[in-house]
């Protein structure tokens, strides 16, 4: 189970399509592009769009607050073991 936080402020709980772990293409779909991993703790990561700031994606205030620095675009927060 993961948390999909959109730049629009929408916040939704999502699950991997296979019921077990998120695959690369699936992660890219959530962030609309290439992914970058932001480590939030020993257990949690935030998957962000690697080029979100460069591409001028809208800032994501909630994700920025959680990460402690500016984040642009939609993000997915999940447990490290949920990404393969």
C-alpha atoms as a PDB file:
ATOM      1  CA  UNK A   1       0.000   0.000   0.000  1.00  0.00           C
ATOM      2  CA  UNK A   2       1.351   3.424  -0.956  1.00  0.00           C
ATOM      3  CA  UNK A   3       0.341   7.046  -0.855  1.00  0.00           C
ATOM      4  CA  UNK A   4       0.020   8.905  -4.161  1.00  0.00           C
ATOM      5  CA  UNK A   5       0.260  12.651  -3.575  1.00  0.00           C
ATOM      6  CA  UNK A   6      -0.527  14.757  -6.614  1.00  0.00           C
ATOM      7  CA  UNK A   7       0.686  18.315  -7.093  1.00  0.00           C
ATOM      8  CA  UNK A   8      -2.977  19.358  -7.213  1.00  0.00           C
ATOM      9  CA  UNK A   9      -3.313  18.386  -3.544  1.00  0.00           C
ATOM     10  CA  UNK A  10      -5.145  15.119  -4.160  1.00  0.00           C
ATOM     11  CA  UNK A  11      -3.948  12.374  -1.823  1.00  0.00           C
ATOM     12  CA  UNK A  12      -4.862   8.760  -2.578  1.00  0.00           C
ATOM     13  CA  UNK A  13      -3.982   5.300  -1.248  1.00  0.00           C
ATOM     14  CA  UNK A  14      -2.889   2.943  -4.049  1.00  0.00           C
ATOM     15  CA  UNK A  15      -1.646  -0.628  -4.317  1.00  0.00           C
ATOM     16  CA  UNK A  16       0.747  -2.284  -6.766  1.00  0.00           C
ATOM     17  CA  UNK A  17      -1.025  -3.738  -9.795  1.00  0.00           C
ATOM     18  CA  UNK A  18       0.423  -7.174  -9.067  1.00  0.00           C
ATOM     19  CA  UNK A  19      -0.576  -6.905  -5.404  1.00  0.00           C
ATOM     20  CA  UNK A  20       3.002  -7.246  -4.212  1.00  0.00           C
ATOM     21  CA  UNK A  21       5.455  -4.596  -5.459  1.00  0.00           C
ATOM     22  CA  UNK A  22       5.632  -1.636  -7.806  1.00  0.00           C
ATOM     23  CA  UNK A  23       7.504  -2.146 -11.091  1.00  0.00           C
ATOM     24  CA  UNK A  24       9.461   0.566 -12.929  1.00  0.00           C
ATOM     25  CA  UNK A  25       6.833   1.312 -15.598  1.00  0.00           C
ATOM     26  CA  UNK A  26       4.157   1.575 -12.915  1.00  0.00           C
ATOM     27  CA  UNK A  27       6.269   4.023 -10.871  1.00  0.00           C
ATOM     28  CA  UNK A  28       6.958   6.096 -13.984  1.00  0.00           C
ATOM     29  CA  UNK A  29       3.216   6.303 -14.559  1.00  0.00           C
ATOM     30  CA  UNK A  30       2.576   7.693 -11.091  1.00  0.00           C
ATOM     31  CA  UNK A  31       5.183  10.459 -11.478  1.00  0.00           C
ATOM     32  CA  UNK A  32       4.707  11.009 -15.237  1.00  0.00           C
ATOM     33  CA  UNK A  33       8.337  10.442 -16.218  1.00  0.00           C
ATOM     34  CA  UNK A  34      11.705   9.150 -15.142  1.00  0.00           C
ATOM     35  CA  UNK A  35      11.937   8.364 -11.453  1.00  0.00           C
ATOM     36  CA  UNK A  36      14.223   9.486  -8.670  1.00  0.00           C
ATOM     37  CA  UNK A  37      14.149   8.054  -5.152  1.00  0.00           C
ATOM     38  CA  UNK A  38      14.106  10.354  -2.103  1.00  0.00           C
ATOM     39  CA  UNK A  39      14.793   8.437   1.114  1.00  0.00           C
ATOM     40  CA  UNK A  40      12.505   9.570   3.911  1.00  0.00           C
ATOM     41  CA  UNK A  41      13.604   7.008   6.520  1.00  0.00           C
ATOM     42  CA  UNK A  42      15.074   3.523   6.768  1.00  0.00           C
ATOM     43  CA  UNK A  43      11.700   2.158   5.688  1.00  0.00           C
ATOM     44  CA  UNK A  44      10.020   4.787   3.497  1.00  0.00           C
ATOM     45  CA  UNK A  45      10.881   6.316   0.149  1.00  0.00           C
ATOM     46  CA  UNK A  46       9.332   9.006  -1.997  1.00  0.00           C
ATOM     47  CA  UNK A  47       9.359   8.330  -5.731  1.00  0.00           C
ATOM     48  CA  UNK A  48       9.521  11.631  -7.617  1.00  0.00           C
ATOM     49  CA  UNK A  49       9.870  12.772 -11.224  1.00  0.00           C
ATOM     50  CA  UNK A  50      13.612  13.055 -11.808  1.00  0.00           C
ATOM     51  CA  UNK A  51      13.188  16.081 -14.078  1.00  0.00           C
ATOM     52  CA  UNK A  52      10.194  17.653 -12.353  1.00  0.00           C
ATOM     53  CA  UNK A  53      11.922  20.919 -11.476  1.00  0.00           C
ATOM     54  CA  UNK A  54      13.734  21.151 -14.832  1.00  0.00           C
ATOM     55  CA  UNK A  55      10.512  20.512 -16.745  1.00  0.00           C
ATOM     56  CA  UNK A  56       8.663  23.150 -14.715  1.00  0.00           C
ATOM     57  CA  UNK A  57       6.126  20.783 -13.167  1.00  0.00           C
ATOM     58  CA  UNK A  58       3.948  22.450 -10.516  1.00  0.00           C
ATOM     59  CA  UNK A  59       5.306  22.409  -6.985  1.00  0.00           C
ATOM     60  CA  UNK A  60       3.831  19.800  -4.690  1.00  0.00           C
ATOM     61  CA  UNK A  61       3.420  21.554  -1.302  1.00  0.00           C
ATOM     62  CA  UNK A  62       2.568  18.435   0.742  1.00  0.00           C
ATOM     63  CA  UNK A  63       5.371  16.344  -0.765  1.00  0.00           C
ATOM     64  CA  UNK A  64       7.787  19.261  -0.257  1.00  0.00           C
ATOM     65  CA  UNK A  65       6.805  19.491   3.415  1.00  0.00           C
ATOM     66  CA  UNK A  66       7.304  15.741   3.903  1.00  0.00           C
ATOM     67  CA  UNK A  67      10.658  15.679   2.072  1.00  0.00           C
ATOM     68  CA  UNK A  68      11.982  18.860   3.673  1.00  0.00           C
ATOM     69  CA  UNK A  69      12.823  20.459   0.312  1.00  0.00           C
ATOM     70  CA  UNK A  70      11.022  21.503  -2.862  1.00  0.00           C
ATOM     71  CA  UNK A  71       9.382  18.714  -4.856  1.00  0.00           C
ATOM     72  CA  UNK A  72       7.673  19.262  -8.199  1.00  0.00           C
ATOM     73  CA  UNK A  73       5.008  17.021  -9.691  1.00  0.00           C
ATOM     74  CA  UNK A  74       3.175  13.964  -8.417  1.00  0.00           C
ATOM     75  CA  UNK A  75       4.894  11.576  -6.008  1.00  0.00           C
ATOM     76  CA  UNK A  76       4.438   8.114  -4.579  1.00  0.00           C
ATOM     77  CA  UNK A  77       5.392   7.326  -0.977  1.00  0.00           C
ATOM     78  CA  UNK A  78       5.853   3.655  -0.161  1.00  0.00           C
ATOM     79  CA  UNK A  79       7.944   1.174   1.784  1.00  0.00           C
ATOM     80  CA  UNK A  80      11.356   0.409   0.313  1.00  0.00           C
ATOM     81  CA  UNK A  81      10.481  -3.281  -0.054  1.00  0.00           C
ATOM     82  CA  UNK A  82       7.459  -2.381  -2.207  1.00  0.00           C
ATOM     83  CA  UNK A  83       9.730  -1.302  -5.077  1.00  0.00           C
ATOM     84  CA  UNK A  84      11.418  -3.936  -7.232  1.00  0.00           C
END
